[in-house]
Amino acid sequence: MRHRLYFMLPSVESARELLDKLLIARIEIHQMHFHAKEGALLPDMPQASLIQRTALIRGAETGVVTGACSGFMTGSLFLLFPPEELKLGFMLLIAAVIGGSILGSWLSAQNSTGITNAKLQPFRAEVEAGQVLLMVDVGLYRIKEIEELIAAKHPDAVYRGVDEEAKLISWA
């Protein structure tokens, strides 16, 4: 299991320097994610994904529940008041719940891509001011090592904490 460390960097140039130092320290590039103003990052820097930047997952989860409830109510209405020419059974209720949860998840996920991830809200003002947020995913045994490395080699980087609730699974 990995933990996500957060660091604020004053500029894109210092973020690029830190990227090189972390690669030398054997932090793989897919474990680093930079978040800055739109278009500010250099092309060779790993940008935070849409899932990391937005509330996409939270929106999809909310949409599944809302859609399933809406589908259940719609299906129940068809069971209580069926159309005269159609003989609808219990399978309609199941189909309405599944269809509602799929539709609700998709619509809610589409809407939530415009919302900043709640875990990145504390950094929003600094990112808008031109600073760069670095997220590093490391194992528990390397947290202290990475903190000390960045403090020693890059004193202008500000350590902003660790996300212990992030359920990051290493696939490597």
N, C-alpha and C. Protein backbone atom coordinates (compact mmCIF):
# COMPACT_ATOMS: atom_id res chain seq x y z
N MET A 1 0.84 -1.18 0.00
CA MET A 1 0.00 0.00 0.00
C MET A 1 0.88 1.23 0.00
N ARG A 2 0.48 2.23 -0.75
CA ARG A 2 1.25 3.45 -0.88
C ARG A 2 0.53 4.62 -0.20
N HIS A 3 1.33 5.61 0.15
CA HIS A 3 0.81 6.84 0.73
C HIS A 3 1.17 7.99 -0.20
N ARG A 4 0.33 8.99 -0.25
CA ARG A 4 0.57 10.13 -1.13
C ARG A 4 1.10 11.30 -0.29
N LEU A 5 2.30 11.77 -0.67
CA LEU A 5 2.92 12.93 -0.04
C LEU A 5 2.65 14.16 -0.89
N TYR A 6 2.40 15.30 -0.25
CA TYR A 6 2.12 16.54 -0.96
C TYR A 6 3.24 17.55 -0.68
N PHE A 7 3.73 18.18 -1.74
CA PHE A 7 4.74 19.23 -1.63
C PHE A 7 4.34 20.38 -2.53
N MET A 8 4.51 21.63 -2.03
CA MET A 8 4.28 22.82 -2.85
C MET A 8 5.63 23.34 -3.30
N LEU A 9 5.73 23.62 -4.59
CA LEU A 9 6.95 24.13 -5.18
C LEU A 9 6.69 25.52 -5.75
N PRO A 10 7.67 26.43 -5.67
CA PRO A 10 7.41 27.81 -6.06
C PRO A 10 7.24 28.04 -7.56
N SER A 11 7.81 27.18 -8.40
CA SER A 11 7.73 27.42 -9.84
C SER A 11 7.83 26.10 -10.61
N VAL A 12 7.55 26.19 -11.89
CA VAL A 12 7.65 25.03 -12.76
C VAL A 12 9.12 24.61 -12.90
N GLU A 13 10.02 25.58 -12.93
CA GLU A 13 11.45 25.27 -13.07
C GLU A 13 11.95 24.47 -11.86
N SER A 14 11.56 24.88 -10.67
CA SER A 14 11.99 24.12 -9.49
C SER A 14 11.33 22.76 -9.44
N ALA A 15 10.11 22.65 -9.95
CA ALA A 15 9.42 21.36 -10.02
C ALA A 15 10.15 20.42 -10.98
N ARG A 16 10.63 20.97 -12.09
CA ARG A 16 11.38 20.16 -13.06
C ARG A 16 12.69 19.66 -12.47
N GLU A 17 13.37 20.52 -11.72
CA GLU A 17 14.61 20.11 -11.05
C GLU A 17 14.34 18.99 -10.04
N LEU A 18 13.28 19.15 -9.27
CA LEU A 18 12.94 18.14 -8.27
C LEU A 18 12.56 16.82 -8.94
N LEU A 19 11.91 16.89 -10.07
CA LEU A 19 11.56 15.67 -10.81
C LEU A 19 12.83 14.87 -11.13
N ASP A 20 13.86 15.55 -11.61
CA ASP A 20 15.12 14.86 -11.92
C ASP A 20 15.74 14.25 -10.67
N LYS A 21 15.72 14.98 -9.57
CA LYS A 21 16.31 14.46 -8.33
C LYS A 21 15.55 13.26 -7.79
N LEU A 22 14.24 13.26 -7.94
CA LEU A 22 13.45 12.12 -7.48
C LEU A 22 13.65 10.91 -8.39
N LEU A 23 13.85 11.15 -9.67
CA LEU A 23 14.14 10.02 -10.56
C LEU A 23 15.49 9.39 -10.21
N ILE A 24 16.45 10.22 -9.87
CA ILE A 24 17.76 9.71 -9.46
C ILE A 24 17.63 8.93 -8.15
N ALA A 25 16.70 9.35 -7.28
CA ALA A 25 16.47 8.65 -6.00
C ALA A 25 15.60 7.40 -6.19
N ARG A 26 15.37 7.01 -7.42
CA ARG A 26 14.65 5.79 -7.77
C ARG A 26 13.15 5.83 -7.45
N ILE A 27 12.59 7.02 -7.56
CA ILE A 27 11.13 7.15 -7.51
C ILE A 27 10.68 7.08 -8.97
N GLU A 28 9.82 6.13 -9.28
CA GLU A 28 9.40 5.95 -10.67
C GLU A 28 8.50 7.10 -11.11
N ILE A 29 8.55 7.42 -12.38
CA ILE A 29 7.84 8.58 -12.90
C ILE A 29 6.32 8.43 -12.76
N HIS A 30 5.81 7.21 -12.79
CA HIS A 30 4.36 7.03 -12.65
C HIS A 30 3.90 7.19 -11.19
N GLN A 31 4.84 7.37 -10.26
CA GLN A 31 4.49 7.62 -8.86
C GLN A 31 4.49 9.10 -8.52
N MET A 32 4.82 9.95 -9.50
CA MET A 32 4.84 11.39 -9.29
C MET A 32 3.76 12.04 -10.15
N HIS A 33 3.09 13.02 -9.57
CA HIS A 33 2.02 13.72 -10.28
C HIS A 33 2.13 15.20 -9.95
N PHE A 34 2.23 16.04 -10.98
CA PHE A 34 2.31 17.48 -10.78
C PHE A 34 0.98 18.11 -11.14
N HIS A 35 0.60 19.12 -10.37
CA HIS A 35 -0.64 19.85 -10.63
C HIS A 35 -0.31 21.33 -10.61
N ALA A 36 -0.59 22.01 -11.72
CA ALA A 36 -0.33 23.44 -11.84
C ALA A 36 -1.45 24.08 -12.66
N LYS A 37 -1.34 25.38 -12.86
CA LYS A 37 -2.32 26.06 -13.70
C LYS A 37 -2.32 25.43 -15.09
N GLU A 38 -3.44 25.53 -15.76
CA GLU A 38 -3.60 24.94 -17.09
C GLU A 38 -2.50 25.41 -18.04
N GLY A 39 -1.79 24.46 -18.62
CA GLY A 39 -0.76 24.76 -19.61
C GLY A 39 0.58 25.18 -19.05
N ALA A 40 0.74 25.20 -17.74
CA ALA A 40 1.99 25.68 -17.14
C ALA A 40 3.08 24.61 -17.10
N LEU A 41 2.70 23.34 -17.02
CA LEU A 41 3.70 22.28 -16.88
C LEU A 41 4.40 22.01 -18.21
N LEU A 42 5.64 21.59 -18.12
CA LEU A 42 6.40 21.20 -19.29
C LEU A 42 5.87 19.86 -19.81
N PRO A 43 6.02 19.58 -21.09
CA PRO A 43 5.45 18.35 -21.66
C PRO A 43 6.02 17.05 -21.08
N ASP A 44 7.25 17.08 -20.58
CA ASP A 44 7.85 15.85 -20.07
C ASP A 44 7.57 15.62 -18.59
N MET A 45 6.78 16.48 -17.99
CA MET A 45 6.43 16.33 -16.56
C MET A 45 5.12 15.57 -16.44
N PRO A 46 5.05 14.58 -15.53
CA PRO A 46 3.80 13.81 -15.38
C PRO A 46 2.72 14.65 -14.69
N GLN A 47 1.70 14.97 -15.46
CA GLN A 47 0.61 15.77 -14.94
C GLN A 47 -0.38 14.90 -14.18
N ALA A 48 -1.00 15.47 -13.15
CA ALA A 48 -2.03 14.75 -12.40
C ALA A 48 -3.18 14.41 -13.36
N SER A 49 -3.71 13.22 -13.21
CA SER A 49 -4.77 12.76 -14.12
C SER A 49 -6.10 13.44 -13.78
N LEU A 50 -7.05 13.26 -14.67
CA LEU A 50 -8.39 13.82 -14.47
C LEU A 50 -9.00 13.29 -13.17
N ILE A 51 -8.77 12.03 -12.86
CA ILE A 51 -9.31 11.43 -11.64
C ILE A 51 -8.67 12.08 -10.41
N GLN A 52 -7.38 12.41 -10.48
CA GLN A 52 -6.69 13.03 -9.34
C GLN A 52 -7.06 14.50 -9.18
N ARG A 53 -7.36 15.19 -10.28
CA ARG A 53 -7.64 16.62 -10.23
C ARG A 53 -9.10 16.95 -9.93
N THR A 54 -10.00 16.06 -10.29
CA THR A 54 -11.42 16.38 -10.19
C THR A 54 -12.15 15.42 -9.24
N ALA A 55 -13.42 15.69 -9.05
CA ALA A 55 -14.26 14.86 -8.18
C ALA A 55 -14.99 13.79 -9.00
N LEU A 56 -14.34 13.27 -10.02
CA LEU A 56 -14.96 12.31 -10.93
C LEU A 56 -15.45 11.05 -10.21
N ILE A 57 -14.62 10.46 -9.39
CA ILE A 57 -14.99 9.22 -8.69
C ILE A 57 -16.13 9.48 -7.72
N ARG A 58 -16.03 10.55 -6.96
CA ARG A 58 -17.08 10.89 -6.00
C ARG A 58 -18.41 11.13 -6.72
N GLY A 59 -18.34 11.81 -7.85
CA GLY A 59 -19.55 12.07 -8.63
C GLY A 59 -20.17 10.79 -9.16
N ALA A 60 -19.32 9.88 -9.66
CA ALA A 60 -19.84 8.62 -10.18
C ALA A 60 -20.48 7.79 -9.07
N GLU A 61 -19.85 7.79 -7.89
CA GLU A 61 -20.41 7.04 -6.76
C GLU A 61 -21.77 7.60 -6.36
N THR A 62 -21.86 8.92 -6.29
CA THR A 62 -23.13 9.57 -5.94
C THR A 62 -24.18 9.28 -6.99
N GLY A 63 -23.78 9.32 -8.26
CA GLY A 63 -24.71 9.06 -9.36
C GLY A 63 -25.26 7.65 -9.36
N VAL A 64 -24.44 6.67 -8.98
CA VAL A 64 -24.90 5.28 -8.92
C VAL A 64 -26.04 5.16 -7.90
N VAL A 65 -25.83 5.74 -6.74
CA VAL A 65 -26.85 5.64 -5.68
C VAL A 65 -28.12 6.41 -6.07
N THR A 66 -27.94 7.63 -6.55
CA THR A 66 -29.10 8.44 -6.94
C THR A 66 -29.85 7.79 -8.09
N GLY A 67 -29.11 7.31 -9.09
CA GLY A 67 -29.74 6.68 -10.24
C GLY A 67 -30.46 5.39 -9.87
N ALA A 68 -29.86 4.60 -8.98
CA ALA A 68 -30.51 3.36 -8.56
C ALA A 68 -31.81 3.66 -7.81
N CYS A 69 -31.78 4.68 -6.96
CA CYS A 69 -33.01 5.06 -6.24
C CYS A 69 -34.09 5.55 -7.21
N SER A 70 -33.68 6.37 -8.17
CA SER A 70 -34.64 6.87 -9.17
C SER A 70 -35.19 5.71 -10.01
N GLY A 71 -34.32 4.79 -10.39
CA GLY A 71 -34.76 3.62 -11.15
C GLY A 71 -35.71 2.75 -10.36
N PHE A 72 -35.44 2.60 -9.07
CA PHE A 72 -36.32 1.81 -8.21
C PHE A 72 -37.70 2.45 -8.12
N MET A 73 -37.73 3.76 -7.95
CA MET A 73 -39.03 4.45 -7.86
C MET A 73 -39.79 4.35 -9.19
N THR A 74 -39.08 4.53 -10.30
CA THR A 74 -39.73 4.43 -11.61
C THR A 74 -40.24 3.01 -11.86
N GLY A 75 -39.41 2.03 -11.56
CA GLY A 75 -39.83 0.63 -11.73
C GLY A 75 -41.00 0.28 -10.84
N SER A 76 -41.00 0.81 -9.62
CA SER A 76 -42.11 0.54 -8.69
C SER A 76 -43.42 1.14 -9.22
N LEU A 77 -43.33 2.33 -9.80
CA LEU A 77 -44.53 2.94 -10.38
C LEU A 77 -45.09 2.09 -11.52
N PHE A 78 -44.20 1.53 -12.36
CA PHE A 78 -44.66 0.66 -13.44
C PHE A 78 -45.27 -0.63 -12.90
N LEU A 79 -44.76 -1.12 -11.76
CA LEU A 79 -45.36 -2.32 -11.17
C LEU A 79 -46.72 -2.02 -10.55
N LEU A 80 -46.84 -0.84 -9.93
CA LEU A 80 -48.11 -0.47 -9.29
C LEU A 80 -49.17 -0.08 -10.32
N PHE A 81 -48.74 0.62 -11.36
CA PHE A 81 -49.66 1.10 -12.38
C PHE A 81 -49.18 0.66 -13.76
N PRO A 82 -49.29 -0.62 -14.05
CA PRO A 82 -48.77 -1.12 -15.34
C PRO A 82 -49.63 -0.65 -16.51
N PRO A 83 -48.99 -0.41 -17.64
CA PRO A 83 -49.78 -0.10 -18.85
C PRO A 83 -50.66 -1.30 -19.20
N GLU A 84 -51.84 -1.03 -19.75
CA GLU A 84 -52.82 -2.09 -19.99
C GLU A 84 -52.34 -3.15 -20.97
N GLU A 85 -51.67 -2.74 -22.04
CA GLU A 85 -51.30 -3.70 -23.07
C GLU A 85 -49.99 -4.44 -22.76
N LEU A 86 -49.22 -3.97 -21.79
CA LEU A 86 -47.95 -4.62 -21.46
C LEU A 86 -48.06 -5.39 -20.15
N LYS A 87 -47.53 -6.57 -20.15
CA LYS A 87 -47.46 -7.37 -18.92
C LYS A 87 -46.03 -7.29 -18.40
N LEU A 88 -45.81 -6.35 -17.53
CA LEU A 88 -44.47 -6.13 -16.99
C LEU A 88 -44.34 -6.80 -15.64
N GLY A 89 -43.25 -7.44 -15.45
CA GLY A 89 -43.04 -8.15 -14.20
C GLY A 89 -41.93 -7.54 -13.36
N PHE A 90 -41.46 -8.37 -12.48
CA PHE A 90 -40.42 -7.96 -11.55
C PHE A 90 -39.11 -7.61 -12.25
N MET A 91 -38.88 -8.21 -13.42
CA MET A 91 -37.65 -7.94 -14.16
C MET A 91 -37.57 -6.47 -14.59
N LEU A 92 -38.72 -5.84 -14.78
CA LEU A 92 -38.72 -4.42 -15.12
C LEU A 92 -38.11 -3.60 -13.99
N LEU A 93 -38.43 -3.96 -12.76
CA LEU A 93 -37.88 -3.25 -11.62
C LEU A 93 -36.35 -3.39 -11.58
N ILE A 94 -35.86 -4.60 -11.81
CA ILE A 94 -34.41 -4.84 -11.83
C ILE A 94 -33.76 -4.04 -12.96
N ALA A 95 -34.37 -4.07 -14.14
CA ALA A 95 -33.83 -3.33 -15.28
C ALA A 95 -33.84 -1.83 -15.02
N ALA A 96 -34.88 -1.32 -14.37
CA ALA A 96 -34.96 0.11 -14.08
C ALA A 96 -33.88 0.52 -13.07
N VAL A 97 -33.62 -0.31 -12.07
CA VAL A 97 -32.57 -0.01 -11.09
C VAL A 97 -31.20 -0.02 -11.75
N ILE A 98 -30.92 -1.02 -12.56
CA ILE A 98 -29.62 -1.10 -13.24
C ILE A 98 -29.46 0.04 -14.23
N GLY A 99 -30.48 0.27 -15.02
CA GLY A 99 -30.42 1.37 -15.99
C GLY A 99 -30.28 2.73 -15.32
N GLY A 100 -31.01 2.92 -14.23
CA GLY A 100 -30.92 4.17 -13.50
C GLY A 100 -29.55 4.38 -12.89
N SER A 101 -28.95 3.32 -12.36
CA SER A 101 -27.63 3.48 -11.76
C SER A 101 -26.57 3.76 -12.82
N ILE A 102 -26.67 3.14 -13.99
CA ILE A 102 -25.72 3.41 -15.08
C ILE A 102 -25.88 4.84 -15.58
N LEU A 103 -27.10 5.24 -15.85
CA LEU A 103 -27.35 6.59 -16.34
C LEU A 103 -26.96 7.64 -15.29
N GLY A 104 -27.32 7.40 -14.04
CA GLY A 104 -26.98 8.34 -12.97
C GLY A 104 -25.49 8.47 -12.77
N SER A 105 -24.77 7.36 -12.84
CA SER A 105 -23.32 7.38 -12.71
C SER A 105 -22.68 8.17 -13.84
N TRP A 106 -23.11 7.93 -15.05
CA TRP A 106 -22.53 8.61 -16.21
C TRP A 106 -22.80 10.11 -16.16
N LEU A 107 -24.06 10.51 -15.90
CA LEU A 107 -24.40 11.93 -15.87
C LEU A 107 -23.69 12.65 -14.72
N SER A 108 -23.68 12.04 -13.58
CA SER A 108 -23.03 12.67 -12.42
C SER A 108 -21.52 12.77 -12.61
N ALA A 109 -20.90 11.76 -13.20
CA ALA A 109 -19.46 11.81 -13.47
C ALA A 109 -19.14 12.92 -14.46
N GLN A 110 -19.99 13.11 -15.47
CA GLN A 110 -19.78 14.18 -16.43
C GLN A 110 -19.82 15.55 -15.75
N ASN A 111 -20.76 15.72 -14.85
CA ASN A 111 -20.88 17.00 -14.15
C ASN A 111 -19.74 17.24 -13.17
N SER A 112 -19.24 16.19 -12.56
CA SER A 112 -18.23 16.36 -11.51
C SER A 112 -16.83 16.61 -12.05
N THR A 113 -16.62 16.50 -13.35
CA THR A 113 -15.29 16.78 -13.89
C THR A 113 -14.94 18.27 -13.80
N GLY A 114 -15.91 19.11 -13.57
CA GLY A 114 -15.65 20.54 -13.40
C GLY A 114 -15.41 20.94 -11.96
N ILE A 115 -15.45 19.98 -11.04
CA ILE A 115 -15.28 20.26 -9.62
C ILE A 115 -13.90 19.78 -9.18
N THR A 116 -13.18 20.62 -8.45
CA THR A 116 -11.86 20.25 -7.95
C THR A 116 -11.99 19.16 -6.90
N ASN A 117 -11.07 18.21 -6.93
CA ASN A 117 -11.02 17.13 -5.95
C ASN A 117 -10.93 17.75 -4.55
N ALA A 118 -11.71 17.24 -3.62
CA ALA A 118 -11.74 17.78 -2.26
C ALA A 118 -10.37 17.73 -1.58
N LYS A 119 -9.56 16.73 -1.92
CA LYS A 119 -8.23 16.61 -1.31
C LYS A 119 -7.28 17.68 -1.84
N LEU A 120 -7.59 18.28 -2.98
CA LEU A 120 -6.73 19.33 -3.54
C LEU A 120 -7.23 20.74 -3.23
N GLN A 121 -8.38 20.86 -2.59
CA GLN A 121 -8.93 22.19 -2.26
C GLN A 121 -7.97 23.04 -1.44
N PRO A 122 -7.27 22.49 -0.43
CA PRO A 122 -6.37 23.34 0.36
C PRO A 122 -5.23 23.94 -0.46
N PHE A 123 -4.94 23.39 -1.62
CA PHE A 123 -3.82 23.85 -2.45
C PHE A 123 -4.29 24.75 -3.59
N ARG A 124 -5.56 24.93 -3.74
CA ARG A 124 -6.12 25.62 -4.91
C ARG A 124 -5.60 27.04 -5.07
N ALA A 125 -5.59 27.82 -4.01
CA ALA A 125 -5.15 29.22 -4.10
C ALA A 125 -3.68 29.31 -4.52
N GLU A 126 -2.85 28.43 -3.95
CA GLU A 126 -1.44 28.46 -4.30
C GLU A 126 -1.20 28.05 -5.74
N VAL A 127 -1.94 27.05 -6.21
CA VAL A 127 -1.81 26.62 -7.60
C VAL A 127 -2.24 27.74 -8.54
N GLU A 128 -3.33 28.41 -8.21
CA GLU A 128 -3.80 29.53 -9.04
C GLU A 128 -2.81 30.70 -9.03
N ALA A 129 -2.01 30.81 -7.96
CA ALA A 129 -1.00 31.88 -7.87
C ALA A 129 0.27 31.53 -8.63
N GLY A 130 0.33 30.34 -9.22
CA GLY A 130 1.48 29.98 -10.03
C GLY A 130 2.41 28.94 -9.43
N GLN A 131 2.11 28.48 -8.22
CA GLN A 131 2.94 27.43 -7.63
C GLN A 131 2.54 26.08 -8.20
N VAL A 132 3.36 25.07 -7.93
CA VAL A 132 3.13 23.73 -8.46
C VAL A 132 2.98 22.75 -7.30
N LEU A 133 1.96 21.92 -7.36
CA LEU A 133 1.75 20.89 -6.35
C LEU A 133 2.35 19.58 -6.87
N LEU A 134 3.18 18.97 -6.04
CA LEU A 134 3.75 17.66 -6.36
C LEU A 134 3.12 16.63 -5.45
N MET A 135 2.59 15.56 -6.04
CA MET A 135 2.07 14.43 -5.28
C MET A 135 2.98 13.25 -5.58
N VAL A 136 3.53 12.64 -4.54
CA VAL A 136 4.42 11.50 -4.69
C VAL A 136 3.81 10.32 -3.96
N ASP A 137 3.65 9.22 -4.67
CA ASP A 137 3.09 8.00 -4.09
C ASP A 137 4.24 7.07 -3.72
N VAL A 138 4.43 6.85 -2.42
CA VAL A 138 5.54 6.01 -1.94
C VAL A 138 5.02 5.03 -0.89
N GLY A 139 5.81 3.99 -0.69
CA GLY A 139 5.49 3.03 0.36
C GLY A 139 5.75 3.64 1.73
N LEU A 140 5.15 3.04 2.74
CA LEU A 140 5.26 3.54 4.10
C LEU A 140 6.71 3.68 4.55
N TYR A 141 7.54 2.72 4.19
CA TYR A 141 8.93 2.72 4.64
C TYR A 141 9.78 3.81 3.99
N ARG A 142 9.27 4.47 2.93
CA ARG A 142 10.06 5.50 2.24
C ARG A 142 9.59 6.91 2.51
N ILE A 143 8.55 7.09 3.32
CA ILE A 143 8.01 8.43 3.56
C ILE A 143 9.08 9.34 4.16
N LYS A 144 9.68 8.93 5.23
CA LYS A 144 10.69 9.74 5.91
C LYS A 144 11.88 10.02 4.99
N GLU A 145 12.32 9.00 4.25
CA GLU A 145 13.45 9.15 3.32
C GLU A 145 13.17 10.22 2.26
N ILE A 146 11.98 10.19 1.68
CA ILE A 146 11.64 11.16 0.64
C ILE A 146 11.50 12.56 1.23
N GLU A 147 10.89 12.68 2.40
CA GLU A 147 10.78 13.98 3.06
C GLU A 147 12.17 14.58 3.29
N GLU A 148 13.10 13.79 3.81
CA GLU A 148 14.45 14.27 4.09
C GLU A 148 15.20 14.59 2.80
N LEU A 149 15.03 13.78 1.78
CA LEU A 149 15.69 14.02 0.50
C LEU A 149 15.26 15.35 -0.10
N ILE A 150 13.96 15.59 -0.11
CA ILE A 150 13.44 16.83 -0.70
C ILE A 150 13.85 18.03 0.15
N ALA A 151 13.82 17.89 1.47
CA ALA A 151 14.23 19.00 2.35
C ALA A 151 15.71 19.33 2.16
N ALA A 152 16.55 18.32 1.97
CA ALA A 152 17.99 18.56 1.81
C ALA A 152 18.33 19.10 0.43
N LYS A 153 17.75 18.54 -0.61
CA LYS A 153 18.13 18.90 -1.98
C LYS A 153 17.31 20.02 -2.57
N HIS A 154 16.16 20.28 -1.97
CA HIS A 154 15.27 21.31 -2.52
C HIS A 154 14.59 22.05 -1.38
N PRO A 155 15.33 22.96 -0.69
CA PRO A 155 14.77 23.62 0.50
C PRO A 155 13.57 24.54 0.22
N ASP A 156 13.37 24.94 -1.03
CA ASP A 156 12.21 25.79 -1.32
C ASP A 156 10.91 25.01 -1.45
N ALA A 157 10.98 23.69 -1.43
CA ALA A 157 9.78 22.86 -1.46
C ALA A 157 9.18 22.80 -0.05
N VAL A 158 7.89 23.02 0.02
CA VAL A 158 7.20 23.02 1.31
C VAL A 158 6.40 21.73 1.46
N TYR A 159 6.73 20.96 2.49
CA TYR A 159 6.01 19.71 2.76
C TYR A 159 4.63 20.05 3.28
N ARG A 160 3.58 19.49 2.66
CA ARG A 160 2.21 19.81 3.04
C ARG A 160 1.42 18.62 3.57
N GLY A 161 2.11 17.53 3.88
CA GLY A 161 1.43 16.43 4.55
C GLY A 161 1.36 15.17 3.72
N VAL A 162 0.77 14.16 4.35
CA VAL A 162 0.62 12.85 3.73
C VAL A 162 -0.85 12.46 3.78
N ASP A 163 -1.31 11.85 2.72
CA ASP A 163 -2.69 11.38 2.65
C ASP A 163 -2.68 9.90 3.00
N GLU A 164 -3.05 9.59 4.21
CA GLU A 164 -3.06 8.20 4.66
C GLU A 164 -4.35 7.50 4.27
N GLU A 165 -5.36 8.27 3.88
CA GLU A 165 -6.63 7.68 3.50
C GLU A 165 -6.64 7.24 2.06
N ALA A 166 -5.65 7.69 1.28
CA ALA A 166 -5.61 7.30 -0.13
C ALA A 166 -5.36 5.81 -0.24
N LYS A 167 -6.22 5.14 -0.91
CA LYS A 167 -6.07 3.70 -1.09
C LYS A 167 -5.31 3.46 -2.39
N LEU A 168 -4.02 3.63 -2.35
CA LEU A 168 -3.19 3.49 -3.52
C LEU A 168 -2.55 2.10 -3.50
N ILE A 169 -2.84 1.33 -4.50
CA ILE A 169 -2.30 -0.04 -4.57
C ILE A 169 -1.21 -0.04 -5.62
N SER A 170 -0.10 -0.61 -5.28
CA SER A 170 1.01 -0.71 -6.22
C SER A 170 0.78 -1.88 -7.15
N TRP A 171 0.78 -1.63 -8.45
CA TRP A 171 0.61 -2.69 -9.44
C TRP A 171 1.95 -3.24 -9.89
N ALA A 172 3.04 -2.56 -9.51
CA ALA A 172 4.37 -3.01 -9.96
C ALA A 172 4.93 -4.06 -9.01
